[in-house]
Amino acid sequence: MRTFNDLIEEASTVDVSGWGFAWLDGRATEQRPPWAYSRLIASRFSHVASALDIDTGGGEIVAEMPRLPPRMVVTEGWSPNVEHARRLLSPRGVQVVSVEQGQPLPFADGSFELVTSRHPVKPDWCEIARVLTDEGTYLAQHVGPASAFELIEYFLGPLPRQRLARDSDAEATEARSAGLRIVNLRTARCRMEFFDIGAVVYILRKCVWWIPDFTVDRYRDTLERLDAHIRRHGPHVAHSTRTLIEARREPR
């Protein structure tokens, strides 16, 4: 394995914009949930005239779709991702809209037959329900509770209160309160492996909410300890938690 300094230097300078993870090929792995989210939404896109993808990242998931609805819109709040999504999706006629987190969606009531999102930051159930047509569908894969906490807590220590966040039953209750009917709710826990310290630095730079104050200099001692552990014992193992949620808009 390359030296600690070489791995850190490379991972500290590589571009982390967008929401693709190809740089981690051969350096980290994550099991996929059994419901195959990309294939699931691809089948839905083929049967609607309008769709909205919320918190689209760099637009990578929508770009994978073999067929898009006649009206396809995506929203994103982080400016580097917005520009990445525009470069990727505009040639296919997708409208890319910048929406700051927590702000209302700039669309009329009942605008979309389908609303999707992979790993939304914090679903605004009232806004999702508002922009859906009657009997329109919200189909999304959410991050579940305590996702990747074996890695996060290695740096930050125990986080018992934070482990309770993103509960799927609580999200379902909020969705119902907003006028949505839950059709499907499933959870999965998926194994993650990080094979070198560069992969750890890369993911912490990309998923900035995991350790908000992360820099290599601030956490260098911890990174060195984790690097030594990986070299001695093999990959660092964590687990992601994912929730599949499908809900329909009750008639107004």
C-alpha atoms as a PDB file:
ATOM      1  CA  MET A   1       0.000   0.000   0.000  1.00  0.00           C
ATOM      2  CA  ARG A   2       1.173   3.540  -0.730  1.00  0.00           C
ATOM      3  CA  THR A   3       2.364   5.758   2.089  1.00  0.00           C
ATOM      4  CA  PHE A   4      -0.015   7.620   4.368  1.00  0.00           C
ATOM      5  CA  ASN A   5       1.170  10.991   3.032  1.00  0.00           C
ATOM      6  CA  ASP A   6       0.722   9.958  -0.609  1.00  0.00           C
ATOM      7  CA  LEU A   7      -2.809   8.732   0.003  1.00  0.00           C
ATOM      8  CA  ILE A   8      -3.771  11.813   1.992  1.00  0.00           C
ATOM      9  CA  GLU A   9      -2.334  14.243  -0.533  1.00  0.00           C
ATOM     10  CA  GLU A  10      -4.140  12.607  -3.442  1.00  0.00           C
ATOM     11  CA  ALA A  11      -7.491  12.416  -1.670  1.00  0.00           C
ATOM     12  CA  SER A  12      -7.198  16.011  -0.435  1.00  0.00           C
ATOM     13  CA  THR A  13      -6.906  17.459  -3.938  1.00  0.00           C
ATOM     14  CA  VAL A  14      -9.204  15.310  -6.104  1.00  0.00           C
ATOM     15  CA  ASP A  15     -12.430  16.959  -7.299  1.00  0.00           C
ATOM     16  CA  VAL A  16     -15.429  15.989  -5.116  1.00  0.00           C
ATOM     17  CA  SER A  17     -18.143  17.938  -6.943  1.00  0.00           C
ATOM     18  CA  GLY A  18     -21.161  16.107  -8.279  1.00  0.00           C
ATOM     19  CA  TRP A  19     -22.602  12.968  -6.762  1.00  0.00           C
ATOM     20  CA  GLY A  20     -20.637  10.250  -8.524  1.00  0.00           C
ATOM     21  CA  PHE A  21     -18.327   7.917  -6.612  1.00  0.00           C
ATOM     22  CA  ALA A  22     -16.260   6.355  -9.401  1.00  0.00           C
ATOM     23  CA  TRP A  23     -13.045   7.600  -7.766  1.00  0.00           C
ATOM     24  CA  LEU A  24     -13.635   5.066  -4.988  1.00  0.00           C
ATOM     25  CA  ASP A  25     -13.642   2.059  -7.352  1.00  0.00           C
ATOM     26  CA  GLY A  26     -11.243  -0.478  -5.879  1.00  0.00           C
ATOM     27  CA  ARG A  27     -10.797   1.626  -2.752  1.00  0.00           C
ATOM     28  CA  ALA A  28     -14.176   1.326  -1.043  1.00  0.00           C
ATOM     29  CA  THR A  29     -17.358  -0.681  -1.482  1.00  0.00           C
ATOM     30  CA  GLU A  30     -20.963  -0.385  -0.376  1.00  0.00           C
ATOM     31  CA  GLN A  31     -23.664  -3.003  -0.717  1.00  0.00           C
ATOM     32  CA  ARG A  32     -26.781  -1.873  -2.553  1.00  0.00           C
ATOM     33  CA  PRO A  33     -30.297  -2.190  -1.125  1.00  0.00           C
ATOM     34  CA  PRO A  34     -32.349  -5.045  -2.587  1.00  0.00           C
ATOM     35  CA  TRP A  35     -34.917  -2.841  -4.304  1.00  0.00           C
ATOM     36  CA  ALA A  36     -32.522  -1.481  -6.997  1.00  0.00           C
ATOM     37  CA  TYR A  37     -33.593   2.154  -6.794  1.00  0.00           C
ATOM     38  CA  SER A  38     -32.221   3.265 -10.177  1.00  0.00           C
ATOM     39  CA  ARG A  39     -34.115   0.541 -12.042  1.00  0.00           C
ATOM     40  CA  LEU A  40     -37.221   1.275  -9.999  1.00  0.00           C
ATOM     41  CA  ILE A  41     -37.410   4.937 -10.939  1.00  0.00           C
ATOM     42  CA  ALA A  42     -36.394   4.195 -14.545  1.00  0.00           C
ATOM     43  CA  SER A  43     -39.553   2.113 -14.895  1.00  0.00           C
ATOM     44  CA  ARG A  44     -41.660   4.937 -13.417  1.00  0.00           C
ATOM     45  CA  PHE A  45     -40.167   7.651 -15.633  1.00  0.00           C
ATOM     46  CA  SER A  46     -41.410   5.714 -18.650  1.00  0.00           C
ATOM     47  CA  HIS A  47     -45.040   6.053 -17.585  1.00  0.00           C
ATOM     48  CA  VAL A  48     -45.448   9.699 -16.537  1.00  0.00           C
ATOM     49  CA  ALA A  49     -45.560  12.988 -18.410  1.00  0.00           C
ATOM     50  CA  SER A  50     -43.889  15.067 -15.691  1.00  0.00           C
ATOM     51  CA  ALA A  51     -41.357  14.366 -12.938  1.00  0.00           C
ATOM     52  CA  LEU A  52     -39.283  16.263 -10.399  1.00  0.00           C
ATOM     53  CA  ASP A  53     -36.076  14.985  -8.806  1.00  0.00           C
ATOM     54  CA  ILE A  54     -35.278  16.787  -5.528  1.00  0.00           C
ATOM     55  CA  ASP A  55     -31.729  17.210  -4.164  1.00  0.00           C
ATOM     56  CA  THR A  56     -30.413  15.747  -7.393  1.00  0.00           C
ATOM     57  CA  GLY A  57     -26.738  16.273  -6.539  1.00  0.00           C
ATOM     58  CA  GLY A  58     -24.840  16.501  -9.799  1.00  0.00           C
ATOM     59  CA  GLY A  59     -27.722  14.914 -11.703  1.00  0.00           C
ATOM     60  CA  GLU A  60     -26.011  11.541 -12.006  1.00  0.00           C
ATOM     61  CA  ILE A  61     -29.045   9.364 -11.241  1.00  0.00           C
ATOM     62  CA  VAL A  62     -31.293  11.179 -13.722  1.00  0.00           C
ATOM     63  CA  ALA A  63     -28.520  11.057 -16.326  1.00  0.00           C
ATOM     64  CA  GLU A  64     -28.493   7.247 -16.066  1.00  0.00           C
ATOM     65  CA  MET A  65     -32.143   6.985 -17.079  1.00  0.00           C
ATOM     66  CA  PRO A  66     -32.664   5.556 -20.573  1.00  0.00           C
ATOM     67  CA  ARG A  67     -35.902   7.498 -20.977  1.00  0.00           C
ATOM     68  CA  LEU A  68     -37.144  10.691 -19.328  1.00  0.00           C
ATOM     69  CA  PRO A  69     -40.654  12.160 -19.116  1.00  0.00           C
ATOM     70  CA  PRO A  70     -41.527  14.963 -21.545  1.00  0.00           C
ATOM     71  CA  ARG A  71     -41.188  17.396 -18.632  1.00  0.00           C
ATOM     72  CA  MET A  72     -38.235  16.560 -16.394  1.00  0.00           C
ATOM     73  CA  VAL A  73     -37.089  19.000 -13.694  1.00  0.00           C
ATOM     74  CA  VAL A  74     -34.416  18.639 -10.992  1.00  0.00           C
ATOM     75  CA  THR A  75     -33.560  20.803  -7.991  1.00  0.00           C
ATOM     76  CA  GLU A  76     -30.294  21.180  -6.099  1.00  0.00           C
ATOM     77  CA  GLY A  77     -29.042  23.575  -3.435  1.00  0.00           C
ATOM     78  CA  TRP A  78     -25.234  23.350  -3.613  1.00  0.00           C
ATOM     79  CA  SER A  79     -23.913  25.610  -6.391  1.00  0.00           C
ATOM     80  CA  PRO A  80     -21.064  23.344  -7.627  1.00  0.00           C
ATOM     81  CA  ASN A  81     -23.582  20.519  -8.006  1.00  0.00           C
ATOM     82  CA  VAL A  82     -26.040  22.824  -9.780  1.00  0.00           C
ATOM     83  CA  GLU A  83     -23.465  23.643 -12.449  1.00  0.00           C
ATOM     84  CA  HIS A  84     -22.452  19.990 -12.727  1.00  0.00           C
ATOM     85  CA  ALA A  85     -26.099  18.974 -13.187  1.00  0.00           C
ATOM     86  CA  ARG A  86     -26.649  21.626 -15.852  1.00  0.00           C
ATOM     87  CA  ARG A  87     -23.669  20.406 -17.877  1.00  0.00           C
ATOM     88  CA  LEU A  88     -24.851  16.823 -17.550  1.00  0.00           C
ATOM     89  CA  LEU A  89     -28.614  17.192 -18.011  1.00  0.00           C
ATOM     90  CA  SER A  90     -29.292  20.287 -20.121  1.00  0.00           C
ATOM     91  CA  PRO A  91     -28.435  18.463 -23.380  1.00  0.00           C
ATOM     92  CA  ARG A  92     -31.325  16.107 -22.619  1.00  0.00           C
ATOM     93  CA  GLY A  93     -33.773  18.962 -22.087  1.00  0.00           C
ATOM     94  CA  VAL A  94     -33.862  18.677 -18.299  1.00  0.00           C
ATOM     95  CA  GLN A  95     -34.612  21.896 -16.400  1.00  0.00           C
ATOM     96  CA  VAL A  96     -32.125  22.368 -13.540  1.00  0.00           C
ATOM     97  CA  VAL A  97     -33.384  24.689 -10.795  1.00  0.00           C
ATOM     98  CA  SER A  98     -31.303  25.997  -7.902  1.00  0.00           C
ATOM     99  CA  VAL A  99     -33.296  25.810  -4.655  1.00  0.00           C
ATOM    100  CA  GLU A 100     -31.736  26.568  -1.281  1.00  0.00           C
ATOM    101  CA  GLN A 101     -32.309  24.001   1.429  1.00  0.00           C
ATOM    102  CA  GLY A 102     -35.453  24.776   3.405  1.00  0.00           C
ATOM    103  CA  GLN A 103     -36.949  27.099   0.788  1.00  0.00           C
ATOM    104  CA  PRO A 104     -40.296  26.422  -0.938  1.00  0.00           C
ATOM    105  CA  LEU A 105     -40.211  24.646  -4.281  1.00  0.00           C
ATOM    106  CA  PRO A 106     -40.755  27.238  -7.054  1.00  0.00           C
ATOM    107  CA  PHE A 107     -43.502  25.278  -8.819  1.00  0.00           C
ATOM    108  CA  ALA A 108     -47.270  25.559  -8.949  1.00  0.00           C
ATOM    109  CA  ASP A 109     -49.548  23.236  -7.000  1.00  0.00           C
ATOM    110  CA  GLY A 110     -50.065  19.877  -8.713  1.00  0.00           C
ATOM    111  CA  SER A 111     -47.188  20.323 -11.167  1.00  0.00           C
ATOM    112  CA  PHE A 112     -45.764  16.786 -11.230  1.00  0.00           C
ATOM    113  CA  GLU A 113     -47.094  13.252 -11.512  1.00  0.00           C
ATOM    114  CA  LEU A 114     -43.916  11.863  -9.946  1.00  0.00           C
ATOM    115  CA  VAL A 115     -41.448  13.281  -7.420  1.00  0.00           C
ATOM    116  CA  THR A 116     -38.250  11.355  -6.732  1.00  0.00           C
ATOM    117  CA  SER A 117     -35.148  11.812  -4.620  1.00  0.00           C
ATOM    118  CA  ARG A 118     -32.140   9.729  -3.702  1.00  0.00           C
ATOM    119  CA  HIS A 119     -30.849  10.737  -0.282  1.00  0.00           C
ATOM    120  CA  PRO A 120     -32.669  14.051   0.196  1.00  0.00           C
ATOM    121  CA  VAL A 121     -31.166  16.285   2.874  1.00  0.00           C
ATOM    122  CA  LYS A 122     -34.457  16.831   4.742  1.00  0.00           C
ATOM    123  CA  PRO A 123     -37.707  16.081   2.914  1.00  0.00           C
ATOM    124  CA  ASP A 124     -40.224  18.921   3.060  1.00  0.00           C
ATOM    125  CA  TRP A 125     -43.348  16.797   3.074  1.00  0.00           C
ATOM    126  CA  CYS A 126     -45.767  19.692   2.720  1.00  0.00           C
ATOM    127  CA  GLU A 127     -43.962  20.982  -0.356  1.00  0.00           C
ATOM    128  CA  ILE A 128     -43.713  17.498  -1.857  1.00  0.00           C
ATOM    129  CA  ALA A 129     -47.444  16.982  -1.376  1.00  0.00           C
ATOM    130  CA  ARG A 130     -48.221  20.437  -2.763  1.00  0.00           C
ATOM    131  CA  VAL A 131     -46.403  19.978  -6.082  1.00  0.00           C
ATOM    132  CA  LEU A 132     -47.765  16.462  -6.685  1.00  0.00           C
ATOM    133  CA  THR A 133     -50.887  15.928  -8.755  1.00  0.00           C
ATOM    134  CA  ASP A 134     -53.778  14.131  -7.086  1.00  0.00           C
ATOM    135  CA  GLU A 135     -52.761  10.460  -6.870  1.00  0.00           C
ATOM    136  CA  GLY A 136     -49.256  11.500  -7.897  1.00  0.00           C
ATOM    137  CA  THR A 137     -46.390   9.498  -6.412  1.00  0.00           C
ATOM    138  CA  TYR A 138     -43.375  10.281  -4.267  1.00  0.00           C
ATOM    139  CA  LEU A 139     -40.754   7.541  -4.701  1.00  0.00           C
ATOM    140  CA  ALA A 140     -37.448   8.002  -2.923  1.00  0.00           C
ATOM    141  CA  GLN A 141     -34.523   6.354  -1.229  1.00  0.00           C
ATOM    142  CA  HIS A 142     -33.688   8.072   2.052  1.00  0.00           C
ATOM    143  CA  VAL A 143     -30.680   7.759   4.298  1.00  0.00           C
ATOM    144  CA  GLY A 144     -31.749   5.870   7.401  1.00  0.00           C
ATOM    145  CA  PRO A 145     -30.724   6.187  11.059  1.00  0.00           C
ATOM    146  CA  ALA A 146     -27.107   5.868  12.207  1.00  0.00           C
ATOM    147  CA  SER A 147     -25.841   5.513   8.647  1.00  0.00           C
ATOM    148  CA  ALA A 148     -22.025   5.157   8.462  1.00  0.00           C
ATOM    149  CA  PHE A 149     -21.817   5.856  12.196  1.00  0.00           C
ATOM    150  CA  GLU A 150     -19.001   3.324  12.701  1.00  0.00           C
ATOM    151  CA  LEU A 151     -16.865   5.730  10.673  1.00  0.00           C
ATOM    152  CA  ILE A 152     -18.351   8.991  11.951  1.00  0.00           C
ATOM    153  CA  GLU A 153     -18.036   7.976  15.597  1.00  0.00           C
ATOM    154  CA  TYR A 154     -14.441   6.870  15.060  1.00  0.00           C
ATOM    155  CA  PHE A 155     -13.711  10.582  14.622  1.00  0.00           C
ATOM    156  CA  LEU A 156     -16.329  12.186  16.881  1.00  0.00           C
ATOM    157  CA  GLY A 157     -16.978   9.650  19.618  1.00  0.00           C
ATOM    158  CA  PRO A 158     -20.430   8.307  20.634  1.00  0.00           C
ATOM    159  CA  LEU A 159     -23.417  10.221  19.223  1.00  0.00           C
ATOM    160  CA  PRO A 160     -26.445   8.638  20.933  1.00  0.00           C
ATOM    161  CA  ARG A 161     -28.897  11.449  20.157  1.00  0.00           C
ATOM    162  CA  GLN A 162     -27.899  11.680  16.493  1.00  0.00           C
ATOM    163  CA  ARG A 163     -28.358   7.916  16.123  1.00  0.00           C
ATOM    164  CA  LEU A 164     -32.106   8.407  16.584  1.00  0.00           C
ATOM    165  CA  ALA A 165     -32.526  10.767  13.612  1.00  0.00           C
ATOM    166  CA  ARG A 166     -33.961   9.798  10.210  1.00  0.00           C
ATOM    167  CA  ASP A 167     -36.349   7.225  11.643  1.00  0.00           C
ATOM    168  CA  SER A 168     -38.479   5.758   8.851  1.00  0.00           C
ATOM    169  CA  ASP A 169     -41.637   5.480  10.962  1.00  0.00           C
ATOM    170  CA  ALA A 170     -41.347   9.127  11.987  1.00  0.00           C
ATOM    171  CA  GLU A 171     -40.885  10.142   8.342  1.00  0.00           C
ATOM    172  CA  ALA A 172     -43.958   8.129   7.365  1.00  0.00           C
ATOM    173  CA  THR A 173     -45.981   9.904  10.051  1.00  0.00           C
ATOM    174  CA  GLU A 174     -44.846  13.299   8.733  1.00  0.00           C
ATOM    175  CA  ALA A 175     -45.726  12.266   5.186  1.00  0.00           C
ATOM    176  CA  ARG A 176     -49.244  11.242   6.226  1.00  0.00           C
ATOM    177  CA  SER A 177     -49.730  14.540   8.030  1.00  0.00           C
ATOM    178  CA  ALA A 178     -48.930  16.349   4.788  1.00  0.00           C
ATOM    179  CA  GLY A 179     -51.626  14.480   2.842  1.00  0.00           C
ATOM    180  CA  LEU A 180     -49.658  11.521   1.510  1.00  0.00           C
ATOM    181  CA  ARG A 181     -50.682   7.865   1.719  1.00  0.00           C
ATOM    182  CA  ILE A 182     -47.836   5.438   2.379  1.00  0.00           C
ATOM    183  CA  VAL A 183     -47.765   2.676  -0.221  1.00  0.00           C
ATOM    184  CA  ASN A 184     -44.397   1.067   0.495  1.00  0.00           C
ATOM    185  CA  LEU A 185     -41.881   1.464   3.315  1.00  0.00           C
ATOM    186  CA  ARG A 186     -38.761  -0.719   3.505  1.00  0.00           C
ATOM    187  CA  THR A 187     -35.385  -0.448   5.195  1.00  0.00           C
ATOM    188  CA  ALA A 188     -32.027  -2.091   4.546  1.00  0.00           C
ATOM    189  CA  ARG A 189     -28.648  -2.075   6.277  1.00  0.00           C
ATOM    190  CA  CYS A 190     -25.730  -2.338   3.879  1.00  0.00           C
ATOM    191  CA  ARG A 191     -22.066  -3.129   4.541  1.00  0.00           C
ATOM    192  CA  MET A 192     -19.458  -0.508   3.652  1.00  0.00           C
ATOM    193  CA  GLU A 193     -15.693  -1.159   3.464  1.00  0.00           C
ATOM    194  CA  PHE A 194     -12.872   1.398   3.189  1.00  0.00           C
ATOM    195  CA  PHE A 195      -9.649  -0.168   1.945  1.00  0.00           C
ATOM    196  CA  ASP A 196      -7.292   2.782   2.398  1.00  0.00           C
ATOM    197  CA  ILE A 197      -7.171   6.089   4.241  1.00  0.00           C
ATOM    198  CA  GLY A 198      -7.484   8.032   0.989  1.00  0.00           C
ATOM    199  CA  ALA A 199     -10.971   6.605   0.521  1.00  0.00           C
ATOM    200  CA  VAL A 200     -11.892   7.821   4.004  1.00  0.00           C
ATOM    201  CA  VAL A 201     -10.618  11.352   3.316  1.00  0.00           C
ATOM    202  CA  TYR A 202     -12.460  11.450   0.000  1.00  0.00           C
ATOM    203  CA  ILE A 203     -15.809  10.407   1.476  1.00  0.00           C
ATOM    204  CA  LEU A 204     -15.497  12.868   4.360  1.00  0.00           C
ATOM    205  CA  ARG A 205     -14.747  15.694   1.921  1.00  0.00           C
ATOM    206  CA  LYS A 206     -17.735  14.711  -0.223  1.00  0.00           C
ATOM    207  CA  CYS A 207     -20.277  13.968   2.534  1.00  0.00           C
ATOM    208  CA  VAL A 208     -19.472  17.135   4.456  1.00  0.00           C
ATOM    209  CA  TRP A 209     -22.384  16.728   6.896  1.00  0.00           C
ATOM    210  CA  TRP A 210     -20.858  13.537   8.349  1.00  0.00           C
ATOM    211  CA  ILE A 211     -18.085  15.479  10.119  1.00  0.00           C
ATOM    212  CA  PRO A 212     -18.870  19.169   9.487  1.00  0.00           C
ATOM    213  CA  ASP A 213     -15.524  20.506  10.724  1.00  0.00           C
ATOM    214  CA  PHE A 214     -13.435  17.894   8.922  1.00  0.00           C
ATOM    215  CA  THR A 215     -10.048  18.871   7.556  1.00  0.00           C
ATOM    216  CA  VAL A 216      -6.983  16.678   7.214  1.00  0.00           C
ATOM    217  CA  ASP A 217      -4.969  18.956   9.494  1.00  0.00           C
ATOM    218  CA  ARG A 218      -7.618  19.007  12.238  1.00  0.00           C
ATOM    219  CA  TYR A 219      -8.021  15.226  12.270  1.00  0.00           C
ATOM    220  CA  ARG A 220      -4.548  14.151  11.216  1.00  0.00           C
ATOM    221  CA  ASP A 221      -3.846  12.151  14.406  1.00  0.00           C
ATOM    222  CA  THR A 222      -7.127  10.255  14.031  1.00  0.00           C
ATOM    223  CA  LEU A 223      -6.427   9.626  10.350  1.00  0.00           C
ATOM    224  CA  GLU A 224      -3.008   8.241  11.202  1.00  0.00           C
ATOM    225  CA  ARG A 225      -4.522   5.863  13.769  1.00  0.00           C
ATOM    226  CA  LEU A 226      -7.148   4.683  11.304  1.00  0.00           C
ATOM    227  CA  ASP A 227      -4.529   4.256   8.579  1.00  0.00           C
ATOM    228  CA  ALA A 228      -2.457   2.056  10.896  1.00  0.00           C
ATOM    229  CA  HIS A 229      -5.543   0.019  11.791  1.00  0.00           C
ATOM    230  CA  ILE A 230      -6.421  -0.573   8.119  1.00  0.00           C
ATOM    231  CA  ARG A 231      -2.856  -1.634   7.313  1.00  0.00           C
ATOM    232  CA  ARG A 232      -2.789  -4.047  10.240  1.00  0.00           C
ATOM    233  CA  HIS A 233      -6.345  -5.442  10.268  1.00  0.00           C
ATOM    234  CA  GLY A 234      -7.846  -4.814   6.827  1.00  0.00           C
ATOM    235  CA  PRO A 235     -10.661  -2.522   5.656  1.00  0.00           C
ATOM    236  CA  HIS A 236     -12.570  -0.311   8.023  1.00  0.00           C
ATOM    237  CA  VAL A 237     -16.165  -1.586   8.090  1.00  0.00           C
ATOM    238  CA  ALA A 238     -19.246   0.577   8.521  1.00  0.00           C
ATOM    239  CA  HIS A 239     -22.901   0.181   7.592  1.00  0.00           C
ATOM    240  CA  SER A 240     -25.202   2.451   5.654  1.00  0.00           C
ATOM    241  CA  THR A 241     -28.934   2.433   6.368  1.00  0.00           C
ATOM    242  CA  ARG A 242     -31.387   3.056   3.549  1.00  0.00           C
ATOM    243  CA  THR A 243     -35.152   3.523   3.449  1.00  0.00           C
ATOM    244  CA  LEU A 244     -37.343   3.066   0.403  1.00  0.00           C
ATOM    245  CA  ILE A 245     -40.500   5.138   0.718  1.00  0.00           C
ATOM    246  CA  GLU A 246     -43.349   5.339  -1.759  1.00  0.00           C
ATOM    247  CA  ALA A 247     -46.331   7.559  -1.069  1.00  0.00           C
ATOM    248  CA  ARG A 248     -49.337   8.810  -3.055  1.00  0.00           C
ATOM    249  CA  ARG A 249     -50.945  12.231  -2.925  1.00  0.00           C
ATOM    250  CA  GLU A 250     -54.446  12.000  -1.503  1.00  0.00           C
ATOM    251  CA  PRO A 251     -57.033  13.820  -3.674  1.00  0.00           C
ATOM    252  CA  ARG A 252     -57.413  17.444  -2.668  1.00  0.00           C
END
